[in-house]
Amino acid sequence: MLSLNWPASSPNLNPIENIWSILKMRLHDRRPRPRGRAEIREAILDEWDLITEEDIIRCINNMPERIEAVIAANRGHTRW
């Protein structure tokens, strides 16, 4: 098993941040948009269930590219 060491507080190097982005994008694209706390909660749970294993693998597989971007940015902001 491959293990990578990186700063715990670096969102550029945390795959869950990409999953949150997928979730946010899918919620934004919903029509009609959910309104009210109950509808928003239901929409979040529905969209969370639709995140696939392929979505997760894609976020993990681009780790080398993200690491290179962080190094190139001298730990600064990246597109990730």
PDB file of N, CA and C in Angstrom:
ATOM      1  N   MET A   1       0.836  -1.175   0.000  1.00  0.00           N
ATOM      2  CA  MET A   1       0.000   0.000   0.000  1.00  0.00           C
ATOM      3  C   MET A   1       0.880   1.237   0.000  1.00  0.00           C
ATOM      4  N   LEU A   2       0.546   2.199  -0.853  1.00  0.00           N
ATOM      5  CA  LEU A   2       1.292   3.442  -0.972  1.00  0.00           C
ATOM      6  C   LEU A   2       0.847   4.409   0.098  1.00  0.00           C
ATOM      7  N   SER A   3       1.797   5.027   0.764  1.00  0.00           N
ATOM      8  CA  SER A   3       1.493   6.020   1.783  1.00  0.00           C
ATOM      9  C   SER A   3       2.208   7.314   1.433  1.00  0.00           C
ATOM     10  N   LEU A   4       1.477   8.421   1.493  1.00  0.00           N
ATOM     11  CA  LEU A   4       2.061   9.728   1.192  1.00  0.00           C
ATOM     12  C   LEU A   4       2.049  10.581   2.443  1.00  0.00           C
ATOM     13  N   ASN A   5       3.145  11.273   2.695  1.00  0.00           N
ATOM     14  CA  ASN A   5       3.206  12.202   3.819  1.00  0.00           C
ATOM     15  C   ASN A   5       2.965  13.605   3.291  1.00  0.00           C
ATOM     16  N   TRP A   6       2.055  14.333   3.919  1.00  0.00           N
ATOM     17  CA  TRP A   6       1.807  15.718   3.551  1.00  0.00           C
ATOM     18  C   TRP A   6       1.217  16.432   4.751  1.00  0.00           C
ATOM     19  N   PRO A   7       1.264  17.763   4.733  1.00  0.00           N
ATOM     20  CA  PRO A   7       0.721  18.501   5.871  1.00  0.00           C
ATOM     21  C   PRO A   7      -0.764  18.206   6.062  1.00  0.00           C
ATOM     22  N   ALA A   8      -1.160  17.945   7.285  1.00  0.00           N
ATOM     23  CA  ALA A   8      -2.547  17.575   7.582  1.00  0.00           C
ATOM     24  C   ALA A   8      -3.539  18.673   7.229  1.00  0.00           C
ATOM     25  N   SER A   9      -3.102  19.917   7.227  1.00  0.00           N
ATOM     26  CA  SER A   9      -4.033  21.013   6.975  1.00  0.00           C
ATOM     27  C   SER A   9      -3.955  21.532   5.541  1.00  0.00           C
ATOM     28  N   SER A  10      -3.356  20.794   4.648  1.00  0.00           N
ATOM     29  CA  SER A  10      -3.233  21.235   3.264  1.00  0.00           C
ATOM     30  C   SER A  10      -4.402  20.723   2.431  1.00  0.00           C
ATOM     31  N   PRO A  11      -5.409  21.589   2.156  1.00  0.00           N
ATOM     32  CA  PRO A  11      -6.553  21.126   1.375  1.00  0.00           C
ATOM     33  C   PRO A  11      -6.186  20.759  -0.052  1.00  0.00           C
ATOM     34  N   ASN A  12      -5.089  21.308  -0.572  1.00  0.00           N
ATOM     35  CA  ASN A  12      -4.655  20.944  -1.916  1.00  0.00           C
ATOM     36  C   ASN A  12      -4.274  19.478  -2.009  1.00  0.00           C
ATOM     37  N   LEU A  13      -3.938  18.885  -0.889  1.00  0.00           N
ATOM     38  CA  LEU A  13      -3.474  17.510  -0.883  1.00  0.00           C
ATOM     39  C   LEU A  13      -4.408  16.594  -0.094  1.00  0.00           C
ATOM     40  N   ASN A  14      -5.653  16.964  -0.029  1.00  0.00           N
ATOM     41  CA  ASN A  14      -6.624  16.146   0.675  1.00  0.00           C
ATOM     42  C   ASN A  14      -7.732  15.762  -0.303  1.00  0.00           C
ATOM     43  N   PRO A  15      -7.782  14.501  -0.736  1.00  0.00           N
ATOM     44  CA  PRO A  15      -8.771  14.089  -1.743  1.00  0.00           C
ATOM     45  C   PRO A  15     -10.222  14.377  -1.368  1.00  0.00           C
ATOM     46  N   ILE A  16     -10.546  14.431  -0.075  1.00  0.00           N
ATOM     47  CA  ILE A  16     -11.939  14.694   0.301  1.00  0.00           C
ATOM     48  C   ILE A  16     -12.375  16.073  -0.172  1.00  0.00           C
ATOM     49  N   GLU A  17     -11.440  17.020  -0.290  1.00  0.00           N
ATOM     50  CA  GLU A  17     -11.807  18.354  -0.767  1.00  0.00           C
ATOM     51  C   GLU A  17     -12.355  18.290  -2.190  1.00  0.00           C
ATOM     52  N   ASN A  18     -11.816  17.385  -2.996  1.00  0.00           N
ATOM     53  CA  ASN A  18     -12.331  17.219  -4.353  1.00  0.00           C
ATOM     54  C   ASN A  18     -13.711  16.576  -4.341  1.00  0.00           C
ATOM     55  N   ILE A  19     -13.956  15.698  -3.406  1.00  0.00           N
ATOM     56  CA  ILE A  19     -15.282  15.094  -3.275  1.00  0.00           C
ATOM     57  C   ILE A  19     -16.289  16.166  -2.861  1.00  0.00           C
ATOM     58  N   TRP A  20     -15.895  17.047  -1.924  1.00  0.00           N
ATOM     59  CA  TRP A  20     -16.790  18.144  -1.533  1.00  0.00           C
ATOM     60  C   TRP A  20     -17.100  19.024  -2.747  1.00  0.00           C
ATOM     61  N   SER A  21     -16.110  19.249  -3.603  1.00  0.00           N
ATOM     62  CA  SER A  21     -16.334  20.058  -4.811  1.00  0.00           C
ATOM     63  C   SER A  21     -17.332  19.396  -5.750  1.00  0.00           C
ATOM     64  N   ILE A  22     -17.213  18.099  -5.914  1.00  0.00           N
ATOM     65  CA  ILE A  22     -18.166  17.355  -6.752  1.00  0.00           C
ATOM     66  C   ILE A  22     -19.571  17.504  -6.176  1.00  0.00           C
ATOM     67  N   LEU A  23     -19.695  17.319  -4.872  1.00  0.00           N
ATOM     68  CA  LEU A  23     -20.983  17.428  -4.211  1.00  0.00           C
ATOM     69  C   LEU A  23     -21.565  18.835  -4.384  1.00  0.00           C
ATOM     70  N   LYS A  24     -20.750  19.845  -4.168  1.00  0.00           N
ATOM     71  CA  LYS A  24     -21.196  21.235  -4.305  1.00  0.00           C
ATOM     72  C   LYS A  24     -21.662  21.526  -5.737  1.00  0.00           C
ATOM     73  N   MET A  25     -20.910  21.071  -6.724  1.00  0.00           N
ATOM     74  CA  MET A  25     -21.260  21.298  -8.125  1.00  0.00           C
ATOM     75  C   MET A  25     -22.592  20.618  -8.461  1.00  0.00           C
ATOM     76  N   ARG A  26     -22.769  19.400  -8.002  1.00  0.00           N
ATOM     77  CA  ARG A  26     -24.006  18.676  -8.292  1.00  0.00           C
ATOM     78  C   ARG A  26     -25.205  19.321  -7.609  1.00  0.00           C
ATOM     79  N   LEU A  27     -25.015  19.837  -6.414  1.00  0.00           N
ATOM     80  CA  LEU A  27     -26.102  20.542  -5.735  1.00  0.00           C
ATOM     81  C   LEU A  27     -26.451  21.831  -6.469  1.00  0.00           C
ATOM     82  N   HIS A  28     -25.432  22.519  -6.944  1.00  0.00           N
ATOM     83  CA  HIS A  28     -25.644  23.766  -7.684  1.00  0.00           C
ATOM     84  C   HIS A  28     -26.404  23.515  -8.984  1.00  0.00           C
ATOM     85  N   ASP A  29     -26.165  22.380  -9.624  1.00  0.00           N
ATOM     86  CA  ASP A  29     -26.785  22.058 -10.909  1.00  0.00           C
ATOM     87  C   ASP A  29     -28.205  21.502 -10.779  1.00  0.00           C
ATOM     88  N   ARG A  30     -28.650  21.217  -9.581  1.00  0.00           N
ATOM     89  CA  ARG A  30     -29.997  20.650  -9.396  1.00  0.00           C
ATOM     90  C   ARG A  30     -31.076  21.642  -9.815  1.00  0.00           C
ATOM     91  N   ARG A  31     -32.062  21.123 -10.533  1.00  0.00           N
ATOM     92  CA  ARG A  31     -33.223  21.919 -10.911  1.00  0.00           C
ATOM     93  C   ARG A  31     -34.468  21.111 -10.623  1.00  0.00           C
ATOM     94  N   PRO A  32     -35.411  21.610  -9.901  1.00  0.00           N
ATOM     95  CA  PRO A  32     -35.355  22.903  -9.217  1.00  0.00           C
ATOM     96  C   PRO A  32     -34.395  22.832  -8.039  1.00  0.00           C
ATOM     97  N   ARG A  33     -33.870  23.988  -7.681  1.00  0.00           N
ATOM     98  CA  ARG A  33     -32.945  24.030  -6.556  1.00  0.00           C
ATOM     99  C   ARG A  33     -33.690  23.745  -5.257  1.00  0.00           C
ATOM    100  N   PRO A  34     -33.053  22.981  -4.378  1.00  0.00           N
ATOM    101  CA  PRO A  34     -33.712  22.711  -3.093  1.00  0.00           C
ATOM    102  C   PRO A  34     -33.858  23.996  -2.280  1.00  0.00           C
ATOM    103  N   ARG A  35     -34.967  24.086  -1.580  1.00  0.00           N
ATOM    104  CA  ARG A  35     -35.224  25.253  -0.724  1.00  0.00           C
ATOM    105  C   ARG A  35     -35.559  24.766   0.673  1.00  0.00           C
ATOM    106  N   GLY A  36     -35.122  25.484   1.620  1.00  0.00           N
ATOM    107  CA  GLY A  36     -35.402  25.121   3.008  1.00  0.00           C
ATOM    108  C   GLY A  36     -34.466  24.026   3.495  1.00  0.00           C
ATOM    109  N   ARG A  37     -34.351  23.989   4.774  1.00  0.00           N
ATOM    110  CA  ARG A  37     -33.411  23.070   5.421  1.00  0.00           C
ATOM    111  C   ARG A  37     -33.674  21.604   5.066  1.00  0.00           C
ATOM    112  N   ALA A  38     -34.920  21.175   5.101  1.00  0.00           N
ATOM    113  CA  ALA A  38     -35.245  19.767   4.849  1.00  0.00           C
ATOM    114  C   ALA A  38     -34.912  19.373   3.412  1.00  0.00           C
ATOM    115  N   GLU A  39     -35.264  20.214   2.441  1.00  0.00           N
ATOM    116  CA  GLU A  39     -34.968  19.908   1.034  1.00  0.00           C
ATOM    117  C   GLU A  39     -33.469  19.903   0.770  1.00  0.00           C
ATOM    118  N   ILE A  40     -32.763  20.844   1.366  1.00  0.00           N
ATOM    119  CA  ILE A  40     -31.302  20.905   1.174  1.00  0.00           C
ATOM    120  C   ILE A  40     -30.648  19.663   1.762  1.00  0.00           C
ATOM    121  N   ARG A  41     -31.077  19.288   2.952  1.00  0.00           N
ATOM    122  CA  ARG A  41     -30.524  18.083   3.594  1.00  0.00           C
ATOM    123  C   ARG A  41     -30.786  16.850   2.727  1.00  0.00           C
ATOM    124  N   GLU A  42     -32.003  16.715   2.236  1.00  0.00           N
ATOM    125  CA  GLU A  42     -32.348  15.577   1.391  1.00  0.00           C
ATOM    126  C   GLU A  42     -31.517  15.573   0.106  1.00  0.00           C
ATOM    127  N   ALA A  43     -31.333  16.747  -0.494  1.00  0.00           N
ATOM    128  CA  ALA A  43     -30.544  16.849  -1.727  1.00  0.00           C
ATOM    129  C   ALA A  43     -29.089  16.452  -1.474  1.00  0.00           C
ATOM    130  N   ILE A  44     -28.531  16.902  -0.358  1.00  0.00           N
ATOM    131  CA  ILE A  44     -27.149  16.551  -0.023  1.00  0.00           C
ATOM    132  C   ILE A  44     -27.019  15.036   0.135  1.00  0.00           C
ATOM    133  N   LEU A  45     -27.929  14.432   0.860  1.00  0.00           N
ATOM    134  CA  LEU A  45     -27.869  12.975   1.068  1.00  0.00           C
ATOM    135  C   LEU A  45     -28.046  12.219  -0.248  1.00  0.00           C
ATOM    136  N   ASP A  46     -28.957  12.694  -1.091  1.00  0.00           N
ATOM    137  CA  ASP A  46     -29.156  12.053  -2.400  1.00  0.00           C
ATOM    138  C   ASP A  46     -27.898  12.140  -3.253  1.00  0.00           C
ATOM    139  N   GLU A  47     -27.318  13.334  -3.329  1.00  0.00           N
ATOM    140  CA  GLU A  47     -26.124  13.521  -4.160  1.00  0.00           C
ATOM    141  C   GLU A  47     -24.931  12.763  -3.591  1.00  0.00           C
ATOM    142  N   TRP A  48     -24.824  12.708  -2.276  1.00  0.00           N
ATOM    143  CA  TRP A  48     -23.733  11.948  -1.647  1.00  0.00           C
ATOM    144  C   TRP A  48     -23.814  10.483  -2.064  1.00  0.00           C
ATOM    145  N   ASP A  49     -25.024   9.932  -2.079  1.00  0.00           N
ATOM    146  CA  ASP A  49     -25.207   8.536  -2.475  1.00  0.00           C
ATOM    147  C   ASP A  49     -24.871   8.291  -3.938  1.00  0.00           C
ATOM    148  N   LEU A  50     -24.898   9.337  -4.758  1.00  0.00           N
ATOM    149  CA  LEU A  50     -24.606   9.201  -6.191  1.00  0.00           C
ATOM    150  C   LEU A  50     -23.115   9.323  -6.518  1.00  0.00           C
ATOM    151  N   ILE A  51     -22.297   9.670  -5.524  1.00  0.00           N
ATOM    152  CA  ILE A  51     -20.851   9.720  -5.751  1.00  0.00           C
ATOM    153  C   ILE A  51     -20.378   8.282  -5.929  1.00  0.00           C
ATOM    154  N   THR A  52     -19.696   8.055  -7.049  1.00  0.00           N
ATOM    155  CA  THR A  52     -19.315   6.691  -7.412  1.00  0.00           C
ATOM    156  C   THR A  52     -17.900   6.359  -6.946  1.00  0.00           C
ATOM    157  N   GLU A  53     -17.622   5.084  -6.992  1.00  0.00           N
ATOM    158  CA  GLU A  53     -16.262   4.634  -6.706  1.00  0.00           C
ATOM    159  C   GLU A  53     -15.295   5.242  -7.721  1.00  0.00           C
ATOM    160  N   GLU A  54     -15.740   5.388  -8.969  1.00  0.00           N
ATOM    161  CA  GLU A  54     -14.899   6.004 -10.003  1.00  0.00           C
ATOM    162  C   GLU A  54     -14.582   7.451  -9.666  1.00  0.00           C
ATOM    163  N   ASP A  55     -15.562   8.191  -9.114  1.00  0.00           N
ATOM    164  CA  ASP A  55     -15.313   9.569  -8.688  1.00  0.00           C
ATOM    165  C   ASP A  55     -14.201   9.605  -7.637  1.00  0.00           C
ATOM    166  N   ILE A  56     -14.283   8.710  -6.690  1.00  0.00           N
ATOM    167  CA  ILE A  56     -13.297   8.659  -5.605  1.00  0.00           C
ATOM    168  C   ILE A  56     -11.926   8.251  -6.140  1.00  0.00           C
ATOM    169  N   ILE A  57     -11.888   7.242  -6.979  1.00  0.00           N
ATOM    170  CA  ILE A  57     -10.618   6.786  -7.555  1.00  0.00           C
ATOM    171  C   ILE A  57      -9.967   7.894  -8.369  1.00  0.00           C
ATOM    172  N   ARG A  58     -10.767   8.647  -9.135  1.00  0.00           N
ATOM    173  CA  ARG A  58     -10.236   9.751  -9.928  1.00  0.00           C
ATOM    174  C   ARG A  58      -9.567  10.794  -9.011  1.00  0.00           C
ATOM    175  N   CYS A  59     -10.192  11.077  -7.878  1.00  0.00           N
ATOM    176  CA  CYS A  59      -9.610  12.039  -6.931  1.00  0.00           C
ATOM    177  C   CYS A  59      -8.311  11.527  -6.328  1.00  0.00           C
ATOM    178  N   ILE A  60      -8.230  10.247  -6.103  1.00  0.00           N
ATOM    179  CA  ILE A  60      -7.011   9.658  -5.548  1.00  0.00           C
ATOM    180  C   ILE A  60      -5.924   9.574  -6.611  1.00  0.00           C
ATOM    181  N   ASN A  61      -6.301   9.194  -7.824  1.00  0.00           N
ATOM    182  CA  ASN A  61      -5.315   9.020  -8.889  1.00  0.00           C
ATOM    183  C   ASN A  61      -4.644  10.313  -9.339  1.00  0.00           C
ATOM    184  N   ASN A  62      -5.281  11.455  -9.085  1.00  0.00           N
ATOM    185  CA  ASN A  62      -4.624  12.691  -9.501  1.00  0.00           C
ATOM    186  C   ASN A  62      -3.730  13.274  -8.401  1.00  0.00           C
ATOM    187  N   MET A  63      -3.496  12.515  -7.343  1.00  0.00           N
ATOM    188  CA  MET A  63      -2.611  12.975  -6.268  1.00  0.00           C
ATOM    189  C   MET A  63      -1.219  13.362  -6.761  1.00  0.00           C
ATOM    190  N   PRO A  64      -0.556  12.565  -7.611  1.00  0.00           N
ATOM    191  CA  PRO A  64       0.778  12.986  -8.069  1.00  0.00           C
ATOM    192  C   PRO A  64       0.751  14.355  -8.758  1.00  0.00           C
ATOM    193  N   GLU A  65      -0.278  14.604  -9.557  1.00  0.00           N
ATOM    194  CA  GLU A  65      -0.393  15.910 -10.227  1.00  0.00           C
ATOM    195  C   GLU A  65      -0.590  17.029  -9.204  1.00  0.00           C
ATOM    196  N   ARG A  66      -1.398  16.774  -8.180  1.00  0.00           N
ATOM    197  CA  ARG A  66      -1.611  17.785  -7.134  1.00  0.00           C
ATOM    198  C   ARG A  66      -0.339  18.047  -6.344  1.00  0.00           C
ATOM    199  N   ILE A  67       0.397  16.977  -6.040  1.00  0.00           N
ATOM    200  CA  ILE A  67       1.658  17.145  -5.306  1.00  0.00           C
ATOM    201  C   ILE A  67       2.626  17.994  -6.118  1.00  0.00           C
ATOM    202  N   GLU A  68       2.748  17.704  -7.407  1.00  0.00           N
ATOM    203  CA  GLU A  68       3.627  18.496  -8.271  1.00  0.00           C
ATOM    204  C   GLU A  68       3.194  19.957  -8.318  1.00  0.00           C
ATOM    205  N   ALA A  69       1.893  20.214  -8.364  1.00  0.00           N
ATOM    206  CA  ALA A  69       1.394  21.594  -8.404  1.00  0.00           C
ATOM    207  C   ALA A  69       1.726  22.337  -7.115  1.00  0.00           C
ATOM    208  N   VAL A  70       1.590  21.661  -5.975  1.00  0.00           N
ATOM    209  CA  VAL A  70       1.908  22.293  -4.692  1.00  0.00           C
ATOM    210  C   VAL A  70       3.401  22.592  -4.601  1.00  0.00           C
ATOM    211  N   ILE A  71       4.225  21.662  -5.051  1.00  0.00           N
ATOM    212  CA  ILE A  71       5.676  21.885  -5.044  1.00  0.00           C
ATOM    213  C   ILE A  71       6.026  23.054  -5.954  1.00  0.00           C
ATOM    214  N   ALA A  72       5.452  23.077  -7.163  1.00  0.00           N
ATOM    215  CA  ALA A  72       5.727  24.161  -8.108  1.00  0.00           C
ATOM    216  C   ALA A  72       5.273  25.515  -7.571  1.00  0.00           C
ATOM    217  N   ALA A  73       4.201  25.521  -6.774  1.00  0.00           N
ATOM    218  CA  ALA A  73       3.683  26.767  -6.206  1.00  0.00           C
ATOM    219  C   ALA A  73       4.352  27.100  -4.877  1.00  0.00           C
ATOM    220  N   ASN A  74       5.382  26.353  -4.534  1.00  0.00           N
ATOM    221  CA  ASN A  74       6.101  26.564  -3.274  1.00  0.00           C
ATOM    222  C   ASN A  74       5.126  26.590  -2.092  1.00  0.00           C
ATOM    223  N   ARG A  75       4.231  25.606  -2.080  1.00  0.00           N
ATOM    224  CA  ARG A  75       3.198  25.443  -1.055  1.00  0.00           C
ATOM    225  C   ARG A  75       2.114  26.505  -1.116  1.00  0.00           C
ATOM    226  N   GLY A  76       2.107  27.295  -2.163  1.00  0.00           N
ATOM    227  CA  GLY A  76       1.091  28.334  -2.326  1.00  0.00           C
ATOM    228  C   GLY A  76      -0.166  27.776  -2.970  1.00  0.00           C
ATOM    229  N   HIS A  77      -1.009  28.688  -3.452  1.00  0.00           N
ATOM    230  CA  HIS A  77      -2.300  28.332  -4.037  1.00  0.00           C
ATOM    231  C   HIS A  77      -2.116  27.568  -5.354  1.00  0.00           C
ATOM    232  N   THR A  78      -2.955  26.567  -5.546  1.00  0.00           N
ATOM    233  CA  THR A  78      -2.991  25.823  -6.811  1.00  0.00           C
ATOM    234  C   THR A  78      -4.436  25.767  -7.310  1.00  0.00           C
ATOM    235  N   ARG A  79      -4.626  25.249  -8.496  1.00  0.00           N
ATOM    236  CA  ARG A  79      -5.989  25.134  -9.021  1.00  0.00           C
ATOM    237  C   ARG A  79      -6.797  24.049  -8.318  1.00  0.00           C
ATOM    238  N   TRP A  80      -6.149  23.241  -7.510  1.00  0.00           N
ATOM    239  CA  TRP A  80      -6.835  22.145  -6.827  1.00  0.00           C
ATOM    240  C   TRP A  80      -7.540  22.681  -5.617  1.00  0.00           C
TER     241      TRP A  80
END
